[in-house]
PDB file of all heavy atoms in Angstrom:
ATOM      1  N   SER A   1      -4.979 -27.365 -58.015  1.00  0.00           N
ATOM      2  CA  SER A   1      -5.653 -28.655 -57.910  1.00  0.00           C
ATOM      3  C   SER A   1      -6.806 -28.553 -56.914  1.00  0.00           C
ATOM      4  O   SER A   1      -6.645 -28.008 -55.814  1.00  0.00           O
ATOM      5  CB  SER A   1      -4.670 -29.730 -57.445  1.00  0.00           C
ATOM      6  OG  SER A   1      -5.329 -30.984 -57.314  1.00  0.00           O
ATOM      7  N   ILE A   2      -7.971 -29.051 -57.309  1.00  0.00           N
ATOM      8  CA  ILE A   2      -9.161 -29.018 -56.464  1.00  0.00           C
ATOM      9  C   ILE A   2      -9.829 -30.396 -56.475  1.00  0.00           C
ATOM     10  O   ILE A   2      -9.478 -31.259 -57.280  1.00  0.00           O
ATOM     11  CB  ILE A   2     -10.176 -27.961 -56.946  1.00  0.00           C
ATOM     12  CG1 ILE A   2     -10.630 -28.282 -58.377  1.00  0.00           C
ATOM     13  CG2 ILE A   2      -9.589 -26.554 -56.862  1.00  0.00           C
ATOM     14  CD1 ILE A   2     -11.812 -27.476 -58.863  1.00  0.00           C
ATOM     15  N   VAL A   3     -10.800 -30.580 -55.578  1.00  0.00           N
ATOM     16  CA  VAL A   3     -11.623 -31.784 -55.572  1.00  0.00           C
ATOM     17  C   VAL A   3     -13.035 -31.393 -55.982  1.00  0.00           C
ATOM     18  O   VAL A   3     -13.645 -30.498 -55.389  1.00  0.00           O
ATOM     19  CB  VAL A   3     -11.640 -32.462 -54.191  1.00  0.00           C
ATOM     20  CG1 VAL A   3     -12.557 -33.683 -54.216  1.00  0.00           C
ATOM     21  CG2 VAL A   3     -10.234 -32.868 -53.781  1.00  0.00           C
ATOM     22  N   ASN A   4     -13.544 -32.048 -56.999  1.00  0.00           N
ATOM     23  CA  ASN A   4     -14.874 -31.754 -57.545  1.00  0.00           C
ATOM     24  C   ASN A   4     -15.925 -32.558 -56.777  1.00  0.00           C
ATOM     25  O   ASN A   4     -15.916 -33.790 -56.798  1.00  0.00           O
ATOM     26  CB  ASN A   4     -14.899 -32.111 -59.037  1.00  0.00           C
ATOM     27  CG  ASN A   4     -16.178 -31.671 -59.725  1.00  0.00           C
ATOM     28  OD1 ASN A   4     -17.176 -31.365 -59.068  1.00  0.00           O
ATOM     29  ND2 ASN A   4     -16.155 -31.633 -61.041  1.00  0.00           N
ATOM     30  N   TRP A   5     -16.858 -31.842 -56.128  1.00  0.00           N
ATOM     31  CA  TRP A   5     -17.924 -32.485 -55.366  1.00  0.00           C
ATOM     32  C   TRP A   5     -19.304 -32.237 -55.974  1.00  0.00           C
ATOM     33  O   TRP A   5     -20.327 -32.461 -55.307  1.00  0.00           O
ATOM     34  CB  TRP A   5     -17.920 -31.994 -53.921  1.00  0.00           C
ATOM     35  CG  TRP A   5     -16.923 -32.700 -53.057  1.00  0.00           C
ATOM     36  CD1 TRP A   5     -15.695 -32.243 -52.670  1.00  0.00           C
ATOM     37  CD2 TRP A   5     -17.069 -33.994 -52.457  1.00  0.00           C
ATOM     38  NE1 TRP A   5     -15.065 -33.169 -51.874  1.00  0.00           N
ATOM     39  CE2 TRP A   5     -15.888 -34.260 -51.723  1.00  0.00           C
ATOM     40  CE3 TRP A   5     -18.074 -34.957 -52.476  1.00  0.00           C
ATOM     41  CZ2 TRP A   5     -15.692 -35.441 -51.011  1.00  0.00           C
ATOM     42  CZ3 TRP A   5     -17.890 -36.136 -51.764  1.00  0.00           C
ATOM     43  CH2 TRP A   5     -16.707 -36.362 -51.046  1.00  0.00           C
ATOM     44  N   CYS A   6     -19.361 -31.772 -57.206  1.00  0.00           N
ATOM     45  CA  CYS A   6     -20.672 -31.470 -57.787  1.00  0.00           C
ATOM     46  C   CYS A   6     -20.841 -32.013 -59.203  1.00  0.00           C
ATOM     47  O   CYS A   6     -21.737 -31.593 -59.936  1.00  0.00           O
ATOM     48  CB  CYS A   6     -20.944 -29.973 -57.772  1.00  0.00           C
ATOM     49  SG  CYS A   6     -19.720 -28.955 -58.630  1.00  0.00           S
ATOM     50  N   SER A   7     -20.017 -32.960 -59.596  1.00  0.00           N
ATOM     51  CA  SER A   7     -20.108 -33.513 -60.945  1.00  0.00           C
ATOM     52  C   SER A   7     -21.322 -34.432 -61.090  1.00  0.00           C
ATOM     53  O   SER A   7     -21.697 -35.153 -60.160  1.00  0.00           O
ATOM     54  CB  SER A   7     -18.843 -34.310 -61.269  1.00  0.00           C
ATOM     55  OG  SER A   7     -18.963 -34.972 -62.518  1.00  0.00           O
ATOM     56  N   ASN A   8     -21.927 -34.397 -62.268  1.00  0.00           N
ATOM     57  CA  ASN A   8     -23.000 -35.337 -62.598  1.00  0.00           C
ATOM     58  C   ASN A   8     -22.473 -36.616 -63.253  1.00  0.00           C
ATOM     59  O   ASN A   8     -23.268 -37.477 -63.647  1.00  0.00           O
ATOM     60  CB  ASN A   8     -24.031 -34.682 -63.516  1.00  0.00           C
ATOM     61  CG  ASN A   8     -24.978 -33.771 -62.761  1.00  0.00           C
ATOM     62  OD1 ASN A   8     -25.179 -33.921 -61.560  1.00  0.00           O
ATOM     63  ND2 ASN A   8     -25.552 -32.806 -63.455  1.00  0.00           N
ATOM     64  N   ASP A   9     -21.167 -36.724 -63.381  1.00  0.00           N
ATOM     65  CA  ASP A   9     -20.562 -37.983 -63.840  1.00  0.00           C
ATOM     66  C   ASP A   9     -20.552 -38.926 -62.640  1.00  0.00           C
ATOM     67  O   ASP A   9     -19.516 -39.256 -62.070  1.00  0.00           O
ATOM     68  CB  ASP A   9     -19.146 -37.719 -64.357  1.00  0.00           C
ATOM     69  CG  ASP A   9     -18.516 -38.933 -65.029  1.00  0.00           C
ATOM     70  OD1 ASP A   9     -19.168 -39.999 -65.089  1.00  0.00           O
ATOM     71  OD2 ASP A   9     -17.360 -38.821 -65.485  1.00  0.00           O
ATOM     72  N   TYR A  10     -21.766 -39.340 -62.262  1.00  0.00           N
ATOM     73  CA  TYR A  10     -22.004 -39.977 -60.970  1.00  0.00           C
ATOM     74  C   TYR A  10     -21.156 -41.224 -60.726  1.00  0.00           C
ATOM     75  O   TYR A  10     -20.742 -41.489 -59.601  1.00  0.00           O
ATOM     76  CB  TYR A  10     -23.479 -40.359 -60.841  1.00  0.00           C
ATOM     77  CG  TYR A  10     -24.438 -39.203 -60.774  1.00  0.00           C
ATOM     78  CD1 TYR A  10     -25.569 -39.160 -61.593  1.00  0.00           C
ATOM     79  CD2 TYR A  10     -24.253 -38.162 -59.874  1.00  0.00           C
ATOM     80  CE1 TYR A  10     -26.477 -38.118 -61.522  1.00  0.00           C
ATOM     81  CE2 TYR A  10     -25.151 -37.107 -59.806  1.00  0.00           C
ATOM     82  CZ  TYR A  10     -26.267 -37.090 -60.622  1.00  0.00           C
ATOM     83  OH  TYR A  10     -27.160 -36.048 -60.545  1.00  0.00           O
ATOM     84  N   LEU A  11     -20.939 -42.017 -61.763  1.00  0.00           N
ATOM     85  CA  LEU A  11     -20.206 -43.279 -61.610  1.00  0.00           C
ATOM     86  C   LEU A  11     -18.796 -43.207 -62.181  1.00  0.00           C
ATOM     87  O   LEU A  11     -18.123 -44.222 -62.304  1.00  0.00           O
ATOM     88  CB  LEU A  11     -20.982 -44.420 -62.275  1.00  0.00           C
ATOM     89  CG  LEU A  11     -22.376 -44.702 -61.708  1.00  0.00           C
ATOM     90  CD1 LEU A  11     -23.039 -45.844 -62.463  1.00  0.00           C
ATOM     91  CD2 LEU A  11     -22.310 -45.014 -60.222  1.00  0.00           C
ATOM     92  N   CYS A  12     -18.376 -41.998 -62.555  1.00  0.00           N
ATOM     93  CA  CYS A  12     -17.022 -41.782 -63.094  1.00  0.00           C
ATOM     94  C   CYS A  12     -16.788 -42.550 -64.395  1.00  0.00           C
ATOM     95  O   CYS A  12     -15.647 -42.904 -64.710  1.00  0.00           O
ATOM     96  CB  CYS A  12     -15.963 -42.166 -62.062  1.00  0.00           C
ATOM     97  SG  CYS A  12     -16.233 -41.467 -60.421  1.00  0.00           S
ATOM     98  N   MET A  13     -17.866 -42.794 -65.141  1.00  0.00           N
ATOM     99  CA  MET A  13     -17.715 -43.537 -66.388  1.00  0.00           C
ATOM    100  C   MET A  13     -17.006 -42.722 -67.466  1.00  0.00           C
ATOM    101  O   MET A  13     -16.491 -43.280 -68.435  1.00  0.00           O
ATOM    102  CB  MET A  13     -19.081 -44.003 -66.883  1.00  0.00           C
ATOM    103  CG  MET A  13     -19.715 -45.096 -66.031  1.00  0.00           C
ATOM    104  SD  MET A  13     -18.698 -46.571 -65.880  1.00  0.00           S
ATOM    105  CE  MET A  13     -18.717 -47.180 -67.568  1.00  0.00           C
ATOM    106  N   GLY A  14     -16.958 -41.417 -67.305  1.00  0.00           N
ATOM    107  CA  GLY A  14     -16.170 -40.588 -68.215  1.00  0.00           C
ATOM    108  C   GLY A  14     -14.688 -40.883 -68.115  1.00  0.00           C
ATOM    109  O   GLY A  14     -13.905 -40.498 -68.996  1.00  0.00           O
ATOM    110  N   GLN A  15     -14.288 -41.595 -67.041  1.00  0.00           N
ATOM    111  CA  GLN A  15     -12.893 -41.983 -66.830  1.00  0.00           C
ATOM    112  C   GLN A  15     -12.649 -43.458 -67.142  1.00  0.00           C
ATOM    113  O   GLN A  15     -11.511 -43.925 -67.068  1.00  0.00           O
ATOM    114  CB  GLN A  15     -12.522 -41.734 -65.364  1.00  0.00           C
ATOM    115  CG  GLN A  15     -12.758 -40.327 -64.880  1.00  0.00           C
ATOM    116  CD  GLN A  15     -11.728 -39.366 -65.419  1.00  0.00           C
ATOM    117  OE1 GLN A  15     -10.517 -39.572 -65.256  1.00  0.00           O
ATOM    118  NE2 GLN A  15     -12.164 -38.304 -66.072  1.00  0.00           N
ATOM    119  N   ASN A  16     -13.707 -44.182 -67.472  1.00  0.00           N
ATOM    120  CA  ASN A  16     -13.611 -45.631 -67.631  1.00  0.00           C
ATOM    121  C   ASN A  16     -12.765 -46.015 -68.856  1.00  0.00           C
ATOM    122  O   ASN A  16     -12.968 -45.486 -69.954  1.00  0.00           O
ATOM    123  CB  ASN A  16     -15.018 -46.219 -67.755  1.00  0.00           C
ATOM    124  CG  ASN A  16     -15.037 -47.718 -67.872  1.00  0.00           C
ATOM    125  OD1 ASN A  16     -14.887 -48.273 -68.950  1.00  0.00           O
ATOM    126  ND2 ASN A  16     -15.239 -48.385 -66.745  1.00  0.00           N
ATOM    127  N   HIS A  17     -11.864 -46.946 -68.662  1.00  0.00           N
ATOM    128  CA  HIS A  17     -10.936 -47.356 -69.727  1.00  0.00           C
ATOM    129  C   HIS A  17     -11.683 -47.888 -70.948  1.00  0.00           C
ATOM    130  O   HIS A  17     -11.311 -47.589 -72.096  1.00  0.00           O
ATOM    131  CB  HIS A  17      -9.970 -48.415 -69.191  1.00  0.00           C
ATOM    132  CG  HIS A  17      -9.153 -49.085 -70.253  1.00  0.00           C
ATOM    133  ND1 HIS A  17      -8.116 -48.445 -70.916  1.00  0.00           N
ATOM    134  CD2 HIS A  17      -9.232 -50.334 -70.785  1.00  0.00           C
ATOM    135  CE1 HIS A  17      -7.587 -49.268 -71.797  1.00  0.00           C
ATOM    136  NE2 HIS A  17      -8.235 -50.416 -71.744  1.00  0.00           N
ATOM    137  N   HIS A  18     -12.720 -48.682 -70.739  1.00  0.00           N
ATOM    138  CA  HIS A  18     -13.461 -49.265 -71.855  1.00  0.00           C
ATOM    139  C   HIS A  18     -14.156 -48.187 -72.681  1.00  0.00           C
ATOM    140  O   HIS A  18     -14.216 -48.274 -73.919  1.00  0.00           O
ATOM    141  CB  HIS A  18     -14.484 -50.273 -71.330  1.00  0.00           C
ATOM    142  CG  HIS A  18     -13.880 -51.415 -70.577  1.00  0.00           C
ATOM    143  ND1 HIS A  18     -13.345 -52.519 -71.196  1.00  0.00           N
ATOM    144  CD2 HIS A  18     -13.714 -51.611 -69.239  1.00  0.00           C
ATOM    145  CE1 HIS A  18     -12.874 -53.361 -70.285  1.00  0.00           C
ATOM    146  NE2 HIS A  18     -13.082 -52.831 -69.091  1.00  0.00           N
ATOM    147  N   VAL A  19     -14.671 -47.181 -72.005  1.00  0.00           N
ATOM    148  CA  VAL A  19     -15.343 -46.075 -72.692  1.00  0.00           C
ATOM    149  C   VAL A  19     -14.351 -45.271 -73.516  1.00  0.00           C
ATOM    150  O   VAL A  19     -14.588 -44.968 -74.698  1.00  0.00           O
ATOM    151  CB  VAL A  19     -16.057 -45.168 -71.666  1.00  0.00           C
ATOM    152  CG1 VAL A  19     -16.630 -43.927 -72.346  1.00  0.00           C
ATOM    153  CG2 VAL A  19     -17.172 -45.941 -70.958  1.00  0.00           C
ATOM    154  N   ILE A  20     -13.238 -44.921 -72.906  1.00  0.00           N
ATOM    155  CA  ILE A  20     -12.233 -44.111 -73.604  1.00  0.00           C
ATOM    156  C   ILE A  20     -11.650 -44.868 -74.794  1.00  0.00           C
ATOM    157  O   ILE A  20     -11.470 -44.306 -75.890  1.00  0.00           O
ATOM    158  CB  ILE A  20     -11.122 -43.694 -72.615  1.00  0.00           C
ATOM    159  CG1 ILE A  20     -11.697 -42.747 -71.561  1.00  0.00           C
ATOM    160  CG2 ILE A  20      -9.960 -43.039 -73.357  1.00  0.00           C
ATOM    161  CD1 ILE A  20     -10.753 -42.446 -70.415  1.00  0.00           C
ATOM    162  N   THR A  21     -11.378 -46.144 -74.612  1.00  0.00           N
ATOM    163  CA  THR A  21     -10.834 -46.951 -75.706  1.00  0.00           C
ATOM    164  C   THR A  21     -11.823 -47.041 -76.859  1.00  0.00           C
ATOM    165  O   THR A  21     -11.427 -46.948 -78.034  1.00  0.00           O
ATOM    166  CB  THR A  21     -10.485 -48.370 -75.201  1.00  0.00           C
ATOM    167  OG1 THR A  21      -9.500 -48.270 -74.167  1.00  0.00           O
ATOM    168  CG2 THR A  21      -9.949 -49.229 -76.332  1.00  0.00           C
ATOM    169  N   ALA A  22     -13.098 -47.227 -76.553  1.00  0.00           N
ATOM    170  CA  ALA A  22     -14.123 -47.297 -77.595  1.00  0.00           C
ATOM    171  C   ALA A  22     -14.185 -46.005 -78.394  1.00  0.00           C
ATOM    172  O   ALA A  22     -14.342 -46.025 -79.625  1.00  0.00           O
ATOM    173  CB  ALA A  22     -15.480 -47.610 -76.977  1.00  0.00           C
ATOM    174  N   MET A  23     -14.061 -44.881 -77.705  1.00  0.00           N
ATOM    175  CA  MET A  23     -14.096 -43.589 -78.393  1.00  0.00           C
ATOM    176  C   MET A  23     -12.855 -43.382 -79.247  1.00  0.00           C
ATOM    177  O   MET A  23     -12.944 -42.886 -80.387  1.00  0.00           O
ATOM    178  CB  MET A  23     -14.242 -42.460 -77.371  1.00  0.00           C
ATOM    179  CG  MET A  23     -15.556 -42.495 -76.613  1.00  0.00           C
ATOM    180  SD  MET A  23     -15.744 -41.133 -75.434  1.00  0.00           S
ATOM    181  CE  MET A  23     -16.064 -39.768 -76.550  1.00  0.00           C
ATOM    182  N   GLN A  24     -11.702 -43.774 -78.731  1.00  0.00           N
ATOM    183  CA  GLN A  24     -10.471 -43.636 -79.512  1.00  0.00           C
ATOM    184  C   GLN A  24     -10.514 -44.500 -80.766  1.00  0.00           C
ATOM    185  O   GLN A  24     -10.102 -44.060 -81.853  1.00  0.00           O
ATOM    186  CB  GLN A  24      -9.271 -44.019 -78.636  1.00  0.00           C
ATOM    187  CG  GLN A  24      -8.985 -43.019 -77.532  1.00  0.00           C
ATOM    188  CD  GLN A  24      -7.935 -43.519 -76.557  1.00  0.00           C
ATOM    189  OE1 GLN A  24      -7.746 -44.726 -76.375  1.00  0.00           O
ATOM    190  NE2 GLN A  24      -7.245 -42.590 -75.890  1.00  0.00           N
ATOM    191  N   THR A  25     -11.043 -45.715 -80.634  1.00  0.00           N
ATOM    192  CA  THR A  25     -11.156 -46.613 -81.781  1.00  0.00           C
ATOM    193  C   THR A  25     -12.105 -46.042 -82.829  1.00  0.00           C
ATOM    194  O   THR A  25     -11.808 -46.062 -84.036  1.00  0.00           O
ATOM    195  CB  THR A  25     -11.656 -48.000 -81.321  1.00  0.00           C
ATOM    196  OG1 THR A  25     -10.734 -48.540 -80.370  1.00  0.00           O
ATOM    197  CG2 THR A  25     -11.789 -48.944 -82.502  1.00  0.00           C
ATOM    198  N   ALA A  26     -13.238 -45.511 -82.373  1.00  0.00           N
ATOM    199  CA  ALA A  26     -14.214 -44.931 -83.301  1.00  0.00           C
ATOM    200  C   ALA A  26     -13.663 -43.691 -83.986  1.00  0.00           C
ATOM    201  O   ALA A  26     -13.914 -43.459 -85.173  1.00  0.00           O
ATOM    202  CB  ALA A  26     -15.502 -44.601 -82.559  1.00  0.00           C
ATOM    203  N   LEU A  27     -12.907 -42.896 -83.250  1.00  0.00           N
ATOM    204  CA  LEU A  27     -12.302 -41.697 -83.829  1.00  0.00           C
ATOM    205  C   LEU A  27     -11.342 -42.069 -84.952  1.00  0.00           C
ATOM    206  O   LEU A  27     -11.361 -41.456 -86.033  1.00  0.00           O
ATOM    207  CB  LEU A  27     -11.572 -40.905 -82.742  1.00  0.00           C
ATOM    208  CG  LEU A  27     -10.881 -39.613 -83.190  1.00  0.00           C
ATOM    209  CD1 LEU A  27     -11.892 -38.615 -83.730  1.00  0.00           C
ATOM    210  CD2 LEU A  27     -10.088 -39.007 -82.038  1.00  0.00           C
ATOM    211  N   ASP A  28     -10.542 -43.085 -84.720  1.00  0.00           N
ATOM    212  CA  ASP A  28      -9.610 -43.536 -85.758  1.00  0.00           C
ATOM    213  C   ASP A  28     -10.347 -44.110 -86.967  1.00  0.00           C
ATOM    214  O   ASP A  28      -9.875 -43.990 -88.106  1.00  0.00           O
ATOM    215  CB  ASP A  28      -8.665 -44.601 -85.181  1.00  0.00           C
ATOM    216  CG  ASP A  28      -7.666 -44.015 -84.194  1.00  0.00           C
ATOM    217  OD1 ASP A  28      -7.433 -42.799 -84.240  1.00  0.00           O
ATOM    218  OD2 ASP A  28      -7.133 -44.786 -83.371  1.00  0.00           O
TER     219      ASP A  28
END
């Protein structure tokens, strides 16, 4: 386990529930 200090996911939107749900819905 490490801590990432160089990600360009600046606002952590890759982890956002609304984003993930939208992608899962579109995939289905």
